[in-house]
Amino acid sequence: MKVCLRWVYEQGVSLVVNSFNKDRIQENIGIFDWELSPQELDNINRIPQNRGFPAINFIADEGPYKSLHELWDGEI
C-alpha cells in the first residue's frame, strides 16, 4: 500500500487516506521519508490500465454526455 500511496504522491495528485488505527496512520505518514527510483516509476507506469466501470453506461441521447468522446478525453 505504501508504494501505491507514494506513487500517487509523486504524480502530484492530492490523496486522502482514512484510518483510525495509529499504526496505519504512522505507516501512511512514512511515505514522505523516501522516493521511488526512476526504474520503479517506469515499472509502475508500464502496468496496463483498466477502467473499473464501463463508461458506455453514462452515455444517453437525453443526458449530458452524448458520446464517449464528450465524457472522457483519454486522460487518467
N, C-alpha and C. Protein backbone atom coordinates (compact mmCIF):
# COMPACT_ATOMS: atom_id res chain seq x y z
N MET A 1 0.82 -1.19 0.00
CA MET A 1 0.00 0.00 0.00
C MET A 1 0.86 1.26 0.00
N LYS A 2 2.00 1.21 0.71
CA LYS A 2 2.85 2.40 0.79
C LYS A 2 3.38 2.78 -0.59
N VAL A 3 3.71 1.79 -1.41
CA VAL A 3 4.21 2.09 -2.75
C VAL A 3 3.12 2.78 -3.56
N CYS A 4 1.89 2.30 -3.45
CA CYS A 4 0.78 2.93 -4.18
C CYS A 4 0.58 4.38 -3.74
N LEU A 5 0.58 4.60 -2.44
CA LEU A 5 0.41 5.97 -1.94
C LEU A 5 1.56 6.86 -2.39
N ARG A 6 2.78 6.34 -2.34
CA ARG A 6 3.94 7.13 -2.75
C ARG A 6 3.87 7.47 -4.23
N TRP A 7 3.44 6.50 -5.06
CA TRP A 7 3.34 6.74 -6.50
C TRP A 7 2.33 7.85 -6.77
N VAL A 8 1.18 7.80 -6.10
CA VAL A 8 0.16 8.84 -6.28
C VAL A 8 0.74 10.19 -5.88
N TYR A 9 1.42 10.25 -4.76
CA TYR A 9 2.03 11.49 -4.28
C TYR A 9 3.05 12.02 -5.29
N GLU A 10 3.89 11.14 -5.84
CA GLU A 10 4.91 11.58 -6.79
C GLU A 10 4.31 12.03 -8.12
N GLN A 11 3.05 11.66 -8.39
CA GLN A 11 2.37 12.13 -9.59
C GLN A 11 1.82 13.54 -9.40
N GLY A 12 1.93 14.07 -8.18
CA GLY A 12 1.42 15.41 -7.90
C GLY A 12 -0.07 15.44 -7.61
N VAL A 13 -0.62 14.29 -7.29
CA VAL A 13 -2.05 14.18 -7.03
C VAL A 13 -2.28 14.25 -5.52
N SER A 14 -3.30 14.98 -5.13
CA SER A 14 -3.68 15.01 -3.71
C SER A 14 -4.31 13.67 -3.36
N LEU A 15 -4.01 13.20 -2.16
CA LEU A 15 -4.62 11.95 -1.74
C LEU A 15 -5.12 12.07 -0.32
N VAL A 16 -6.17 11.35 -0.06
CA VAL A 16 -6.77 11.34 1.27
C VAL A 16 -6.86 9.88 1.70
N VAL A 17 -6.28 9.58 2.84
CA VAL A 17 -6.39 8.23 3.39
C VAL A 17 -7.20 8.30 4.67
N ASN A 18 -7.86 7.22 4.98
CA ASN A 18 -8.75 7.21 6.13
C ASN A 18 -8.40 6.03 7.03
N SER A 19 -8.05 6.30 8.25
CA SER A 19 -7.79 5.24 9.21
C SER A 19 -7.89 5.81 10.62
N PHE A 20 -8.34 4.97 11.52
CA PHE A 20 -8.34 5.32 12.94
C PHE A 20 -7.29 4.51 13.69
N ASN A 21 -6.59 3.66 12.95
CA ASN A 21 -5.56 2.80 13.52
C ASN A 21 -4.24 3.57 13.58
N LYS A 22 -3.69 3.76 14.78
CA LYS A 22 -2.47 4.57 14.94
C LYS A 22 -1.31 4.03 14.12
N ASP A 23 -1.13 2.72 14.10
CA ASP A 23 -0.02 2.13 13.34
C ASP A 23 -0.17 2.40 11.85
N ARG A 24 -1.37 2.27 11.34
CA ARG A 24 -1.60 2.51 9.91
C ARG A 24 -1.40 3.99 9.58
N ILE A 25 -1.82 4.87 10.45
CA ILE A 25 -1.61 6.31 10.24
C ILE A 25 -0.12 6.60 10.16
N GLN A 26 0.67 6.01 11.05
CA GLN A 26 2.13 6.21 11.03
C GLN A 26 2.74 5.66 9.74
N GLU A 27 2.25 4.49 9.28
CA GLU A 27 2.73 3.93 8.02
C GLU A 27 2.44 4.89 6.87
N ASN A 28 1.25 5.45 6.84
CA ASN A 28 0.87 6.38 5.77
C ASN A 28 1.74 7.63 5.78
N ILE A 29 2.04 8.15 6.95
CA ILE A 29 2.90 9.33 7.06
C ILE A 29 4.31 9.00 6.56
N GLY A 30 4.71 7.74 6.70
CA GLY A 30 6.04 7.31 6.29
C GLY A 30 6.32 7.41 4.80
N ILE A 31 5.31 7.67 3.98
CA ILE A 31 5.57 7.76 2.53
C ILE A 31 6.39 9.00 2.17
N PHE A 32 6.53 9.93 3.09
CA PHE A 32 7.28 11.16 2.81
C PHE A 32 8.77 11.01 3.11
N ASP A 33 9.18 9.86 3.64
CA ASP A 33 10.57 9.65 4.04
C ASP A 33 11.43 8.99 2.96
N TRP A 34 10.88 8.71 1.80
CA TRP A 34 11.61 8.01 0.75
C TRP A 34 11.00 8.35 -0.60
N GLU A 35 11.67 7.94 -1.67
CA GLU A 35 11.19 8.17 -3.04
C GLU A 35 11.30 6.88 -3.83
N LEU A 36 10.45 6.75 -4.82
CA LEU A 36 10.57 5.64 -5.76
C LEU A 36 11.72 5.94 -6.72
N SER A 37 12.46 4.93 -7.09
CA SER A 37 13.57 5.11 -8.03
C SER A 37 13.00 5.31 -9.43
N PRO A 38 13.79 5.89 -10.35
CA PRO A 38 13.32 6.03 -11.73
C PRO A 38 12.90 4.69 -12.33
N GLN A 39 13.63 3.62 -12.02
CA GLN A 39 13.27 2.29 -12.54
C GLN A 39 11.93 1.82 -11.96
N GLU A 40 11.71 2.06 -10.69
CA GLU A 40 10.43 1.68 -10.07
C GLU A 40 9.28 2.47 -10.68
N LEU A 41 9.48 3.77 -10.89
CA LEU A 41 8.44 4.58 -11.52
C LEU A 41 8.14 4.08 -12.92
N ASP A 42 9.18 3.75 -13.67
CA ASP A 42 8.99 3.23 -15.03
C ASP A 42 8.22 1.92 -15.00
N ASN A 43 8.58 1.03 -14.08
CA ASN A 43 7.87 -0.25 -13.97
C ASN A 43 6.40 -0.04 -13.65
N ILE A 44 6.10 0.85 -12.73
CA ILE A 44 4.71 1.12 -12.36
C ILE A 44 3.96 1.74 -13.53
N ASN A 45 4.59 2.68 -14.22
CA ASN A 45 3.92 3.35 -15.33
C ASN A 45 3.64 2.42 -16.51
N ARG A 46 4.33 1.28 -16.58
CA ARG A 46 4.09 0.33 -17.66
C ARG A 46 3.01 -0.70 -17.32
N ILE A 47 2.45 -0.64 -16.13
CA ILE A 47 1.36 -1.55 -15.78
C ILE A 47 0.14 -1.17 -16.62
N PRO A 48 -0.46 -2.14 -17.32
CA PRO A 48 -1.65 -1.82 -18.13
C PRO A 48 -2.76 -1.27 -17.25
N GLN A 49 -3.44 -0.25 -17.77
CA GLN A 49 -4.52 0.38 -17.02
C GLN A 49 -5.86 -0.17 -17.48
N ASN A 50 -6.76 -0.33 -16.56
CA ASN A 50 -8.11 -0.80 -16.85
C ASN A 50 -9.11 0.14 -16.22
N ARG A 51 -10.27 0.19 -16.78
CA ARG A 51 -11.33 1.02 -16.24
C ARG A 51 -12.17 0.15 -15.30
N GLY A 52 -12.57 0.69 -14.19
CA GLY A 52 -13.34 -0.06 -13.21
C GLY A 52 -14.82 -0.14 -13.54
N PHE A 53 -15.30 0.73 -14.42
CA PHE A 53 -16.72 0.77 -14.74
C PHE A 53 -16.86 1.14 -16.20
N PRO A 54 -17.68 0.42 -16.96
CA PRO A 54 -17.83 0.75 -18.38
C PRO A 54 -18.46 2.12 -18.58
N ALA A 55 -17.75 3.01 -19.21
CA ALA A 55 -18.22 4.39 -19.39
C ALA A 55 -19.45 4.46 -20.28
N ILE A 56 -19.66 3.45 -21.11
CA ILE A 56 -20.81 3.48 -22.01
C ILE A 56 -22.12 3.61 -21.23
N ASN A 57 -22.12 3.19 -19.96
CA ASN A 57 -23.33 3.30 -19.15
C ASN A 57 -23.69 4.74 -18.80
N PHE A 58 -22.77 5.68 -19.02
CA PHE A 58 -23.03 7.09 -18.73
C PHE A 58 -23.49 7.87 -19.96
N ILE A 59 -23.58 7.21 -21.10
CA ILE A 59 -23.93 7.86 -22.36
C ILE A 59 -25.43 7.71 -22.61
N ALA A 60 -26.08 8.82 -22.98
CA ALA A 60 -27.51 8.78 -23.31
C ALA A 60 -27.84 9.96 -24.21
N ASP A 61 -28.75 9.73 -25.15
CA ASP A 61 -29.16 10.81 -26.05
C ASP A 61 -29.74 11.99 -25.30
N GLU A 62 -30.42 11.73 -24.18
CA GLU A 62 -31.04 12.80 -23.41
C GLU A 62 -30.17 13.27 -22.26
N GLY A 63 -29.00 12.66 -22.06
CA GLY A 63 -28.13 13.00 -20.94
C GLY A 63 -27.11 14.07 -21.28
N PRO A 64 -26.28 14.44 -20.31
CA PRO A 64 -25.27 15.47 -20.54
C PRO A 64 -24.14 14.99 -21.47
N TYR A 65 -23.93 13.67 -21.57
CA TYR A 65 -22.87 13.13 -22.43
C TYR A 65 -23.51 12.30 -23.53
N LYS A 66 -23.35 12.75 -24.76
CA LYS A 66 -23.96 12.08 -25.90
C LYS A 66 -23.03 11.05 -26.53
N SER A 67 -21.72 11.12 -26.21
CA SER A 67 -20.75 10.19 -26.78
C SER A 67 -19.63 9.95 -25.77
N LEU A 68 -18.86 8.88 -26.00
CA LEU A 68 -17.72 8.62 -25.13
C LEU A 68 -16.70 9.75 -25.21
N HIS A 69 -16.57 10.35 -26.39
CA HIS A 69 -15.63 11.46 -26.56
C HIS A 69 -16.01 12.65 -25.68
N GLU A 70 -17.29 12.94 -25.56
CA GLU A 70 -17.73 14.03 -24.69
C GLU A 70 -17.48 13.72 -23.22
N LEU A 71 -17.59 12.44 -22.86
CA LEU A 71 -17.42 12.04 -21.46
C LEU A 71 -15.97 11.98 -21.04
N TRP A 72 -15.12 11.43 -21.89
CA TRP A 72 -13.75 11.13 -21.49
C TRP A 72 -12.77 11.57 -22.56
N ASP A 73 -11.76 12.35 -22.17
CA ASP A 73 -10.79 12.87 -23.12
C ASP A 73 -9.56 11.97 -23.27
N GLY A 74 -9.56 10.81 -22.63
CA GLY A 74 -8.43 9.90 -22.73
C GLY A 74 -7.40 10.06 -21.63
N GLU A 75 -7.49 11.13 -20.86
CA GLU A 75 -6.55 11.35 -19.77
C GLU A 75 -7.00 10.59 -18.53
N ILE A 76 -6.02 10.17 -17.74
CA ILE A 76 -6.34 9.48 -16.49
C ILE A 76 -5.88 10.33 -15.34
